[in-house]
Amino acid sequence: MKPATFEYMRPETTRGALDALASHGDEARVLAGGQSLVPMMNLRLARPAVLVDITHVQELRELRVCADAVTIGAGVRQLAVERSADVAAALPILRQGLAYVGHAPIRSRGTVCGSVAHADPLAELPAIVLALDGVMVAAGPAGRREIAAADFFRSYYTTALEPDELLAEIRIPRPPERWGSAFLELARRHGDFALAGVAALVDVDDDRRIRGVRLALSGVAEAPVRAVEAEGALSGATLDDGQALRAAADAAIRTIDPMSDVHATSEFRREVAGVLVRRAIVLAGERSIERAKSVR
């Protein structure tokens, strides 16, 4: 199929992009990588009257790795983040999760901010940013404002962005050096949307006792889910405490509301999510131990 007729605009500055969005309101959509939007347009699931292409806005293509945070501009490709040694050292979970995003040709065009702003609940990056306590920097007519990840994702393909705003960058605080991470998901084939996914960050002391944990799930609700109750269930437990791990998985399952479709039932997705939670916690914990050895 072919998309419905639309007007194409290609500003070269952020201000130009914002002016275009302000002029057309709800009828305009931002085009960055186009790996989600264009297929939806071809299927007539999305019919924007105006496409605002930001790929030539140089100021939105910055990738900065600093001592306290990693900042990813709206035009930064997923593959650039995946291949960055500095990002891998600061936020290894980004590389771990990006490996599951489609295939390399898709990641060579798709952008990190675009995937997050698209807010597909099945996608990996929204859950990872939620687990990392990322901050979305929205640019609009009144300037820039910051939106915590916990407040950003609203529902299916719906975020806190206003129609005249664009996601200019994502700023992700760097966890302490000892924190380990893991992203796991189950899909029918590599590159397919997952039935469920889990992003985990864990801090383990020298006695294998869990001192901190962050968990976020994808594909199990209308938006990525932060499993706060499950995080609390692990407080003071050791990485080898099977009962605590099962309690955390059960707590995570209570917070989700997965759908049933042709790929899997709601019950199956719940079971998968519970298994992935336990595995991701252990894997992230073991990586925490390895990181602790490397920073001594």
Protein backbone atom coordinates (compact mmCIF):
# COMPACT_ATOMS: atom_id res chain seq x y z
CA MET A 1 0.00 0.00 0.00
CA LYS A 2 0.94 3.65 -0.31
CA PRO A 3 0.52 6.42 2.25
CA ALA A 4 -2.15 9.06 1.97
CA THR A 5 -1.11 12.40 0.49
CA PHE A 6 1.00 14.57 2.79
CA GLU A 7 3.11 17.72 2.74
CA TYR A 8 6.83 17.28 3.35
CA MET A 9 8.91 19.84 5.25
CA ARG A 10 12.66 19.62 5.94
CA PRO A 11 13.79 22.32 8.37
CA GLU A 12 17.49 22.72 9.17
CA THR A 13 17.12 24.12 12.69
CA THR A 14 15.19 23.14 15.79
CA ARG A 15 13.35 26.46 15.64
CA GLY A 16 12.32 25.74 12.08
CA ALA A 17 10.99 22.33 13.10
CA LEU A 18 9.05 23.83 16.00
CA ASP A 19 7.58 26.54 13.76
CA ALA A 20 6.40 23.85 11.35
CA LEU A 21 4.77 21.88 14.16
CA ALA A 22 3.14 25.00 15.59
CA SER A 23 1.72 25.91 12.17
CA HIS A 24 0.04 22.55 11.59
CA GLY A 25 -0.85 21.30 15.10
CA ASP A 26 -2.29 17.80 15.32
CA GLU A 27 -1.95 17.31 11.56
CA ALA A 28 1.87 17.21 11.70
CA ARG A 29 4.20 14.39 12.69
CA VAL A 30 7.95 14.44 13.26
CA LEU A 31 10.04 12.19 10.99
CA ALA A 32 13.43 11.11 12.36
CA GLY A 33 14.29 7.53 11.35
CA GLY A 34 10.87 6.61 10.01
CA GLN A 35 11.21 2.91 10.83
CA SER A 36 7.88 2.89 12.69
CA LEU A 37 6.03 5.86 11.26
CA VAL A 38 6.51 5.13 7.55
CA PRO A 39 5.18 1.53 7.71
CA MET A 40 2.17 2.80 9.65
CA MET A 41 1.61 5.43 6.94
CA ASN A 42 1.90 2.81 4.22
CA LEU A 43 -0.82 0.79 5.95
CA ARG A 44 -2.93 3.95 6.41
CA LEU A 45 -2.80 3.44 10.18
CA ALA A 46 -1.27 6.92 10.42
CA ARG A 47 -2.33 9.75 8.12
CA PRO A 48 -0.40 12.90 8.99
CA ALA A 49 -1.11 15.83 6.69
CA VAL A 50 2.43 17.12 7.23
CA LEU A 51 5.74 15.37 7.82
CA VAL A 52 8.43 17.45 9.53
CA ASP A 53 11.75 15.78 8.70
CA ILE A 54 14.39 16.61 11.35
CA THR A 55 17.20 14.49 9.91
CA HIS A 56 19.09 17.60 8.71
CA VAL A 57 18.94 19.44 12.05
CA GLN A 58 22.58 19.15 13.11
CA GLU A 59 22.02 20.38 16.66
CA LEU A 60 19.76 17.38 17.33
CA ARG A 61 22.45 14.84 16.36
CA GLU A 62 24.64 15.12 19.43
CA LEU A 63 25.61 12.10 21.52
CA ARG A 64 27.34 13.18 24.72
CA VAL A 65 28.82 10.87 27.36
CA CYS A 66 29.71 12.80 30.51
CA ALA A 67 30.73 11.82 34.01
CA ASP A 68 27.18 12.03 35.33
CA ALA A 69 24.91 11.33 32.35
CA VAL A 70 24.56 10.26 28.73
CA THR A 71 22.61 12.63 26.48
CA ILE A 72 21.13 11.36 23.21
CA GLY A 73 19.84 13.86 20.67
CA ALA A 74 16.72 13.34 18.59
CA GLY A 75 18.70 12.61 15.43
CA VAL A 76 21.10 10.03 16.88
CA ARG A 77 20.76 6.66 15.20
CA GLN A 78 20.30 3.52 17.24
CA LEU A 79 23.29 1.88 15.61
CA ALA A 80 25.54 4.80 16.62
CA VAL A 81 24.53 4.31 20.25
CA GLU A 82 24.92 0.55 20.01
CA ARG A 83 28.44 0.85 18.58
CA SER A 84 29.67 3.56 20.94
CA ALA A 85 32.31 2.20 23.33
CA ASP A 86 31.74 5.18 25.64
CA VAL A 87 28.01 4.48 25.86
CA ALA A 88 28.66 0.78 26.43
CA ALA A 89 30.94 1.62 29.36
CA ALA A 90 28.51 4.11 30.87
CA LEU A 91 25.18 2.39 30.14
CA PRO A 92 25.76 -1.20 28.99
CA ILE A 93 22.03 -1.96 29.13
CA LEU A 94 21.52 0.25 26.07
CA ARG A 95 23.74 -1.98 23.96
CA GLN A 96 22.14 -5.08 25.52
CA GLY A 97 18.65 -3.88 24.62
CA LEU A 98 19.45 -2.45 21.20
CA ALA A 99 20.66 -5.87 20.06
CA TYR A 100 17.00 -6.94 20.15
CA VAL A 101 15.67 -3.97 18.14
CA GLY A 102 14.80 -5.27 14.67
CA HIS A 103 17.91 -5.87 12.60
CA ALA A 104 21.04 -3.82 11.89
CA PRO A 105 19.63 -2.10 8.76
CA ILE A 106 16.67 -0.90 10.83
CA ARG A 107 18.93 0.34 13.62
CA SER A 108 21.07 2.17 11.05
CA ARG A 109 18.06 4.41 10.31
CA GLY A 110 15.97 4.30 13.47
CA THR A 111 16.66 6.78 16.26
CA VAL A 112 16.62 6.24 20.01
CA CYS A 113 14.46 9.30 20.65
CA GLY A 114 12.12 8.31 17.83
CA SER A 115 11.48 4.90 19.35
CA VAL A 116 10.89 6.42 22.78
CA ALA A 117 8.57 9.11 21.43
CA HIS A 118 6.67 6.52 19.37
CA ALA A 119 5.91 4.77 22.68
CA ASP A 120 5.07 1.33 21.36
CA PRO A 121 4.54 -0.71 24.55
CA LEU A 122 6.20 -3.70 22.88
CA ALA A 123 9.41 -1.78 22.18
CA GLU A 124 12.61 -2.26 24.13
CA LEU A 125 13.91 1.30 24.51
CA PRO A 126 10.97 2.81 26.44
CA ALA A 127 11.34 0.14 29.15
CA ILE A 128 15.10 0.63 29.30
CA VAL A 129 14.80 4.41 29.64
CA LEU A 130 12.18 3.90 32.37
CA ALA A 131 14.47 1.55 34.31
CA LEU A 132 17.31 4.05 34.00
CA ASP A 133 15.20 6.95 35.32
CA GLY A 134 15.81 8.84 32.09
CA VAL A 135 14.69 12.43 31.59
CA MET A 136 13.00 13.50 28.35
CA VAL A 137 13.80 17.01 27.18
CA ALA A 138 10.88 18.34 25.15
CA ALA A 139 11.38 21.41 22.95
CA GLY A 140 8.37 23.61 22.25
CA PRO A 141 7.31 27.20 21.50
CA ALA A 142 7.86 28.20 25.15
CA GLY A 143 11.32 26.66 25.33
CA ARG A 144 12.45 23.34 26.78
CA ARG A 145 10.98 21.34 29.61
CA GLU A 146 12.04 18.15 31.32
CA ILE A 147 9.76 15.14 31.76
CA ALA A 148 10.71 12.20 33.96
CA ALA A 149 10.36 8.81 32.29
CA ALA A 150 7.82 7.82 34.95
CA ASP A 151 5.57 10.66 33.73
CA PHE A 152 6.30 10.44 30.02
CA PHE A 153 4.58 7.25 28.87
CA ARG A 154 0.79 7.48 29.03
CA SER A 155 -0.75 4.67 26.95
CA TYR A 156 -0.48 2.98 23.55
CA TYR A 157 1.62 5.30 21.33
CA THR A 158 0.78 8.18 23.69
CA THR A 159 3.21 10.32 25.66
CA ALA A 160 3.27 13.58 27.61
CA LEU A 161 4.52 15.46 24.52
CA GLU A 162 2.23 18.22 23.25
CA PRO A 163 1.39 18.37 19.51
CA ASP A 164 3.70 21.39 19.06
CA GLU A 165 6.63 19.77 20.89
CA LEU A 166 9.35 17.39 19.82
CA LEU A 167 11.57 15.14 21.91
CA ALA A 168 14.83 17.04 21.49
CA GLU A 169 16.98 14.74 23.60
CA ILE A 170 17.02 12.11 26.32
CA ARG A 171 19.30 12.58 29.32
CA ILE A 172 20.08 9.38 31.22
CA PRO A 173 21.88 9.49 34.58
CA ARG A 174 24.79 7.08 34.87
CA PRO A 175 24.25 4.47 37.60
CA PRO A 176 27.10 3.90 40.04
CA GLU A 177 29.95 1.77 38.70
CA ARG A 178 28.99 -1.35 40.66
CA TRP A 179 25.50 -1.63 39.18
CA GLY A 180 25.09 -4.50 36.71
CA SER A 181 22.43 -4.64 34.04
CA ALA A 182 20.56 -7.03 31.79
CA PHE A 183 17.86 -6.82 29.15
CA LEU A 184 16.03 -10.02 28.23
CA GLU A 185 13.02 -10.70 26.04
CA LEU A 186 11.22 -13.57 24.37
CA ALA A 187 10.19 -13.30 20.73
CA ARG A 188 9.15 -15.93 18.21
CA ARG A 189 12.02 -14.89 15.93
CA HIS A 190 14.94 -12.52 16.36
CA GLY A 191 13.85 -9.07 15.27
CA ASP A 192 10.16 -9.66 15.93
CA PHE A 193 8.33 -7.69 18.57
CA ALA A 194 8.71 -9.54 21.85
CA LEU A 195 5.97 -11.27 23.79
CA ALA A 196 7.50 -9.74 26.93
CA GLY A 197 10.75 -8.06 27.94
CA VAL A 198 12.53 -7.06 31.13
CA ALA A 199 15.15 -4.39 31.83
CA ALA A 200 17.01 -4.91 35.10
CA LEU A 201 19.69 -3.01 36.98
CA VAL A 202 21.07 -4.55 40.17
CA ASP A 203 23.67 -3.59 42.77
CA VAL A 204 25.14 -6.52 44.73
CA ASP A 205 27.67 -6.30 47.59
CA ASP A 206 30.62 -8.61 48.19
CA ASP A 207 28.37 -11.05 50.07
CA ARG A 208 26.00 -11.30 47.05
CA ARG A 209 23.37 -9.31 48.95
CA ILE A 210 21.15 -7.09 46.80
CA ARG A 211 21.51 -3.43 47.79
CA GLY A 212 19.54 -1.88 44.95
CA VAL A 213 17.40 -2.93 42.01
CA ARG A 214 15.42 -1.35 39.20
CA LEU A 215 13.02 -3.29 37.01
CA ALA A 216 10.93 -2.26 34.00
CA LEU A 217 8.85 -4.48 31.74
CA SER A 218 7.79 -4.15 28.10
CA GLY A 219 5.02 -5.82 26.14
CA VAL A 220 2.84 -6.50 29.17
CA ALA A 221 0.63 -3.39 29.44
CA GLU A 222 -0.44 -0.33 27.47
CA ALA A 223 2.86 1.36 28.43
CA PRO A 224 6.18 0.20 29.90
CA VAL A 225 5.80 -0.77 33.56
CA ARG A 226 8.16 0.02 36.43
CA ALA A 227 7.88 -2.91 38.84
CA VAL A 228 8.36 -0.97 42.08
CA GLU A 229 6.75 -3.63 44.29
CA ALA A 230 9.04 -6.27 42.84
CA GLU A 231 12.06 -4.06 43.51
CA GLY A 232 11.03 -3.81 47.16
CA ALA A 233 10.62 -7.57 47.46
CA LEU A 234 14.36 -7.97 46.86
CA SER A 235 15.52 -5.59 49.55
CA GLY A 236 18.19 -7.31 51.64
CA ALA A 237 17.91 -10.64 49.82
CA THR A 238 20.87 -12.44 48.37
CA LEU A 239 21.28 -13.19 44.71
CA ASP A 240 20.90 -16.89 45.48
CA ASP A 241 17.63 -16.55 47.43
CA GLY A 242 15.19 -18.40 45.22
CA GLN A 243 12.23 -17.54 47.42
CA ALA A 244 12.96 -13.81 47.17
CA LEU A 245 13.38 -14.07 43.41
CA ARG A 246 10.02 -15.83 43.09
CA ALA A 247 8.41 -13.20 45.33
CA ALA A 248 9.81 -10.47 43.10
CA ALA A 249 8.52 -12.20 39.98
CA ASP A 250 5.07 -12.63 41.56
CA ALA A 251 5.04 -8.95 42.54
CA ALA A 252 5.97 -7.94 39.00
CA ILE A 253 3.19 -10.09 37.56
CA ARG A 254 0.66 -8.35 39.79
CA THR A 255 1.55 -4.98 38.26
CA ILE A 256 1.04 -5.93 34.61
CA ASP A 257 -1.98 -6.29 32.36
CA PRO A 258 -0.84 -8.09 29.20
CA MET A 259 -3.12 -8.47 26.22
CA SER A 260 -4.08 -11.62 24.38
CA ASP A 261 -3.60 -11.72 20.62
CA VAL A 262 -2.75 -14.14 17.82
CA HIS A 263 0.81 -14.45 19.12
CA ALA A 264 0.18 -15.31 22.77
CA THR A 265 -2.44 -15.29 25.49
CA SER A 266 -2.39 -12.93 28.43
CA GLU A 267 -1.64 -15.86 30.75
CA PHE A 268 1.35 -16.95 28.67
CA ARG A 269 2.77 -13.42 28.65
CA ARG A 270 2.44 -13.30 32.45
CA GLU A 271 4.34 -16.56 32.78
CA VAL A 272 7.05 -15.36 30.41
CA ALA A 273 7.38 -12.07 32.28
CA GLY A 274 7.85 -13.84 35.60
CA VAL A 275 10.57 -16.11 34.22
CA LEU A 276 12.37 -13.19 32.56
CA VAL A 277 12.27 -11.14 35.77
CA ARG A 278 14.03 -13.87 37.71
CA ARG A 279 16.62 -14.47 35.01
CA ALA A 280 17.31 -10.77 34.43
CA ILE A 281 17.83 -10.10 38.14
CA VAL A 282 20.35 -12.92 38.47
CA LEU A 283 22.19 -11.98 35.28
CA ALA A 284 22.36 -8.29 36.23
CA GLY A 285 23.49 -9.26 39.72
CA GLU A 286 26.30 -11.43 38.41
CA ARG A 287 27.39 -8.58 36.15
CA SER A 288 27.37 -6.28 39.19
CA ILE A 289 29.83 -8.61 40.88
CA GLU A 290 32.05 -8.59 37.79
CA ARG A 291 31.93 -4.79 37.57
CA ALA A 292 32.87 -4.53 41.24
CA LYS A 293 36.00 -6.58 40.55
CA SER A 294 36.96 -4.35 37.62
CA VAL A 295 36.72 -1.06 39.58
CA ARG A 296 38.79 -2.18 42.57
